[in-house]
N, C-alpha and C. Protein backbone atom coordinates (compact mmCIF):
# COMPACT_ATOMS: atom_id res chain seq x y z
N PRO A 1 147.25 99.71 72.21
CA PRO A 1 147.88 100.82 72.93
C PRO A 1 147.17 102.17 72.68
N LEU A 2 146.69 102.36 71.48
CA LEU A 2 146.01 103.62 71.17
C LEU A 2 144.71 103.76 71.97
N VAL A 3 143.93 102.69 72.02
CA VAL A 3 142.66 102.73 72.77
C VAL A 3 142.94 102.89 74.26
N THR A 4 143.96 102.22 74.75
CA THR A 4 144.32 102.35 76.17
C THR A 4 144.73 103.79 76.48
N ALA A 5 145.52 104.40 75.62
CA ALA A 5 145.94 105.79 75.83
C ALA A 5 144.73 106.73 75.78
N LEU A 6 143.82 106.50 74.84
CA LEU A 6 142.62 107.33 74.76
C LEU A 6 141.77 107.17 76.02
N ASP A 7 141.63 105.95 76.49
CA ASP A 7 140.86 105.68 77.72
C ASP A 7 141.47 106.42 78.90
N GLU A 8 142.77 106.33 79.05
CA GLU A 8 143.44 107.01 80.17
C GLU A 8 143.29 108.52 80.08
N ALA A 9 143.44 109.06 78.88
CA ALA A 9 143.31 110.51 78.70
C ALA A 9 141.89 110.97 79.00
N GLN A 10 140.91 110.20 78.55
CA GLN A 10 139.52 110.57 78.78
C GLN A 10 139.18 110.51 80.27
N ARG A 11 139.62 109.46 80.95
CA ARG A 11 139.34 109.35 82.39
C ARG A 11 140.02 110.47 83.17
N ALA A 12 141.25 110.81 82.80
CA ALA A 12 141.96 111.91 83.48
C ALA A 12 141.23 113.23 83.25
N PHE A 13 140.78 113.47 82.01
CA PHE A 13 140.03 114.70 81.71
C PHE A 13 138.76 114.77 82.54
N LEU A 14 137.99 113.68 82.56
CA LEU A 14 136.73 113.68 83.30
C LEU A 14 136.95 113.89 84.78
N ALA A 15 137.99 113.30 85.34
CA ALA A 15 138.28 113.48 86.76
C ALA A 15 138.62 114.94 87.06
N ARG A 16 139.45 115.56 86.20
CA ARG A 16 139.80 116.98 86.39
C ARG A 16 138.58 117.88 86.21
N ARG A 17 137.83 117.61 85.19
CA ARG A 17 136.67 118.46 84.88
C ARG A 17 135.62 118.37 85.98
N ALA A 18 135.44 117.18 86.54
CA ALA A 18 134.47 117.02 87.63
C ALA A 18 134.85 117.90 88.82
N VAL A 19 136.13 117.95 89.14
CA VAL A 19 136.59 118.80 90.25
C VAL A 19 136.30 120.26 89.92
N GLU A 20 136.61 120.67 88.69
CA GLU A 20 136.36 122.05 88.28
C GLU A 20 134.87 122.42 88.38
N LEU A 21 134.00 121.46 88.08
CA LEU A 21 132.56 121.70 88.10
C LEU A 21 131.94 121.47 89.47
N GLY A 22 132.74 120.94 90.40
CA GLY A 22 132.24 120.68 91.74
C GLY A 22 131.31 119.49 91.82
N ILE A 23 131.53 118.51 90.96
CA ILE A 23 130.70 117.29 90.99
C ILE A 23 131.58 116.08 91.26
N LEU A 24 130.94 115.04 91.73
CA LEU A 24 131.66 113.80 92.01
C LEU A 24 131.88 113.01 90.73
N PHE A 25 133.03 112.37 90.64
CA PHE A 25 133.34 111.50 89.50
C PHE A 25 133.76 110.16 90.06
N HIS A 26 133.14 109.12 89.56
CA HIS A 26 133.51 107.76 89.96
C HIS A 26 133.93 107.00 88.72
N ASP A 27 135.17 106.60 88.69
CA ASP A 27 135.73 105.88 87.54
C ASP A 27 135.42 104.39 87.68
N LEU A 28 134.57 103.89 86.80
CA LEU A 28 134.21 102.47 86.82
C LEU A 28 135.25 101.59 86.15
N GLY A 29 136.18 102.19 85.42
CA GLY A 29 137.16 101.43 84.66
C GLY A 29 137.95 100.40 85.46
N PRO A 30 138.56 100.80 86.57
CA PRO A 30 139.34 99.82 87.33
C PRO A 30 138.51 98.63 87.82
N GLU A 31 137.30 98.91 88.28
CA GLU A 31 136.43 97.83 88.77
C GLU A 31 136.03 96.90 87.64
N LEU A 32 135.70 97.44 86.49
CA LEU A 32 135.32 96.61 85.34
C LEU A 32 136.51 95.80 84.84
N ARG A 33 137.71 96.40 84.85
CA ARG A 33 138.90 95.64 84.42
C ARG A 33 139.19 94.50 85.38
N ARG A 34 139.04 94.75 86.69
CA ARG A 34 139.26 93.67 87.68
C ARG A 34 138.26 92.54 87.45
N ALA A 35 137.02 92.90 87.23
CA ALA A 35 135.99 91.88 87.02
C ALA A 35 136.24 91.11 85.74
N ALA A 36 136.73 91.79 84.71
CA ALA A 36 136.99 91.13 83.42
C ALA A 36 138.14 90.16 83.50
N SER A 37 139.05 90.38 84.43
CA SER A 37 140.20 89.48 84.52
C SER A 37 140.14 88.58 85.75
N GLY A 38 139.06 88.65 86.51
CA GLY A 38 138.94 87.87 87.74
C GLY A 38 138.49 86.44 87.50
N ALA A 39 138.09 85.81 88.57
CA ALA A 39 137.71 84.39 88.53
C ALA A 39 136.51 84.14 87.63
N ASP A 40 135.61 85.11 87.51
CA ASP A 40 134.42 84.96 86.68
C ASP A 40 134.61 85.51 85.27
N ALA A 41 135.84 85.63 84.82
CA ALA A 41 136.13 86.28 83.53
C ALA A 41 135.46 85.59 82.36
N SER A 42 135.04 84.35 82.53
CA SER A 42 134.38 83.65 81.42
C SER A 42 132.95 84.15 81.22
N THR A 43 132.39 84.86 82.21
CA THR A 43 131.06 85.45 82.08
C THR A 43 131.24 86.90 81.63
N LEU A 44 130.72 87.22 80.46
CA LEU A 44 130.95 88.53 79.87
C LEU A 44 130.30 89.66 80.67
N LEU A 45 130.93 90.82 80.61
CA LEU A 45 130.39 92.02 81.24
C LEU A 45 129.52 92.81 80.26
N TYR A 46 129.79 92.65 78.97
CA TYR A 46 129.07 93.35 77.91
C TYR A 46 128.54 92.34 76.91
N ASP A 47 127.38 92.61 76.36
CA ASP A 47 126.85 91.77 75.29
C ASP A 47 127.72 92.01 74.05
N PRO A 48 128.18 90.94 73.39
CA PRO A 48 129.08 91.12 72.25
C PRO A 48 128.42 91.74 71.02
N VAL A 49 127.09 91.73 70.95
CA VAL A 49 126.41 92.25 69.76
C VAL A 49 126.10 93.73 69.91
N HIS A 50 125.42 94.12 70.98
CA HIS A 50 125.00 95.52 71.09
C HIS A 50 125.74 96.29 72.17
N VAL A 51 126.76 95.72 72.75
CA VAL A 51 127.68 96.37 73.68
C VAL A 51 126.97 97.07 74.84
N HIS A 52 125.92 96.46 75.35
CA HIS A 52 125.29 96.91 76.58
C HIS A 52 125.74 95.96 77.69
N LEU A 53 125.65 96.42 78.92
CA LEU A 53 126.04 95.57 80.04
C LEU A 53 125.17 94.32 80.12
N THR A 54 125.79 93.21 80.47
CA THR A 54 125.05 91.98 80.76
C THR A 54 124.58 92.06 82.21
N ALA A 55 123.89 91.03 82.65
CA ALA A 55 123.45 90.99 84.06
C ALA A 55 124.67 91.09 84.98
N ARG A 56 125.74 90.36 84.66
CA ARG A 56 126.95 90.42 85.48
C ARG A 56 127.57 91.82 85.42
N GLY A 57 127.62 92.42 84.26
CA GLY A 57 128.16 93.78 84.13
C GLY A 57 127.37 94.77 84.97
N ASN A 58 126.05 94.65 84.96
CA ASN A 58 125.21 95.52 85.79
C ASN A 58 125.48 95.30 87.26
N GLN A 59 125.72 94.06 87.67
CA GLN A 59 126.02 93.77 89.08
C GLN A 59 127.34 94.42 89.49
N VAL A 60 128.34 94.34 88.63
CA VAL A 60 129.65 94.94 88.94
C VAL A 60 129.50 96.46 89.06
N VAL A 61 128.80 97.08 88.12
CA VAL A 61 128.61 98.53 88.15
C VAL A 61 127.81 98.95 89.38
N ALA A 62 126.73 98.23 89.68
CA ALA A 62 125.90 98.57 90.84
C ALA A 62 126.69 98.47 92.14
N ALA A 63 127.48 97.41 92.28
CA ALA A 63 128.28 97.24 93.50
C ALA A 63 129.32 98.35 93.63
N SER A 64 129.92 98.72 92.51
CA SER A 64 130.93 99.78 92.53
C SER A 64 130.32 101.13 92.90
N ILE A 65 129.18 101.44 92.32
CA ILE A 65 128.51 102.71 92.62
C ILE A 65 128.02 102.72 94.07
N ALA A 66 127.49 101.61 94.54
CA ALA A 66 127.03 101.54 95.93
C ALA A 66 128.18 101.79 96.90
N ALA A 67 129.33 101.17 96.64
CA ALA A 67 130.50 101.38 97.51
C ALA A 67 130.96 102.83 97.46
N PHE A 68 130.93 103.44 96.28
CA PHE A 68 131.32 104.84 96.12
C PHE A 68 130.39 105.75 96.92
N LEU A 69 129.10 105.50 96.85
CA LEU A 69 128.13 106.32 97.57
C LEU A 69 128.33 106.21 99.08
N VAL A 70 128.62 105.02 99.57
CA VAL A 70 128.91 104.85 100.99
C VAL A 70 130.19 105.60 101.36
N GLN A 71 131.21 105.45 100.52
CA GLN A 71 132.50 106.11 100.76
C GLN A 71 132.35 107.62 100.81
N GLN A 72 131.46 108.17 100.00
CA GLN A 72 131.23 109.61 99.97
C GLN A 72 130.27 110.08 101.05
N GLY A 73 129.74 109.16 101.85
CA GLY A 73 128.80 109.50 102.90
C GLY A 73 127.40 109.83 102.38
N LEU A 74 127.10 109.37 101.17
CA LEU A 74 125.80 109.65 100.55
C LEU A 74 124.81 108.51 100.72
N ALA A 75 125.28 107.40 101.24
CA ALA A 75 124.41 106.24 101.49
C ALA A 75 124.94 105.55 102.75
N PRO A 76 124.04 104.94 103.51
CA PRO A 76 124.50 104.26 104.74
C PRO A 76 125.23 102.97 104.40
N ALA A 77 126.18 102.63 105.23
CA ALA A 77 126.90 101.35 105.08
C ALA A 77 125.95 100.24 105.50
N LYS A 78 126.10 99.12 104.84
CA LYS A 78 125.22 97.99 105.17
C LYS A 78 125.67 97.30 106.42
């Protein structure tokens, strides 16, 4: 519960601060949580030793960022 509360507070702060600074903020948390609990949940998103994204984690992040860029009108829809 403590880590979850810290995560929520940090994401809320970053979202507010981005607006104040006039920059875009894309929260990857929901997409990563969906992927972690989805059908492919047995394939890790992060390496358990050095906590970097795995190939699957990079795919989830790339797809999420690509969709965000299209949504913001910064990249063409496929």
